[in-house]
Amino acid sequence: MNIIKYPIITDKATRLLANNQYSFVVNPKSDKPTIKAAIEYLFNVKVVKINTAHLPKKKKRVGQYMGWKSHYKKAIVTLSEGDTINLFAEEN
């Protein structure tokens, strides 16, 4: 499944975990029904709502060199009560 690329772990994304909302970087051409189906299939949870955003590319500087941070699409997925996704693997 090339729809879900990886989860987003930022300060805002960890605050959203309290509301049972998870953030993922997804394929820019995917739509909400396919994102919902992929999340429900991969993690065996019930998705209530999906918010998506196309984030623009940004200029980044490393020393004297200018470059671009690439464009991506973000999906914020709200799960039903009682469902969770374990993003942080526990080590033994």
Foldseek 3Di string as FASTA:
>chain_A
DQFFDAWDDDPVQVVCVVQQKTKTWGAPPDDDVVVQVVCCVPQVFHWDDKDKDWDCWDWDDDPPDIDIDHITMMMITHTDPPDHGDRDDDDD
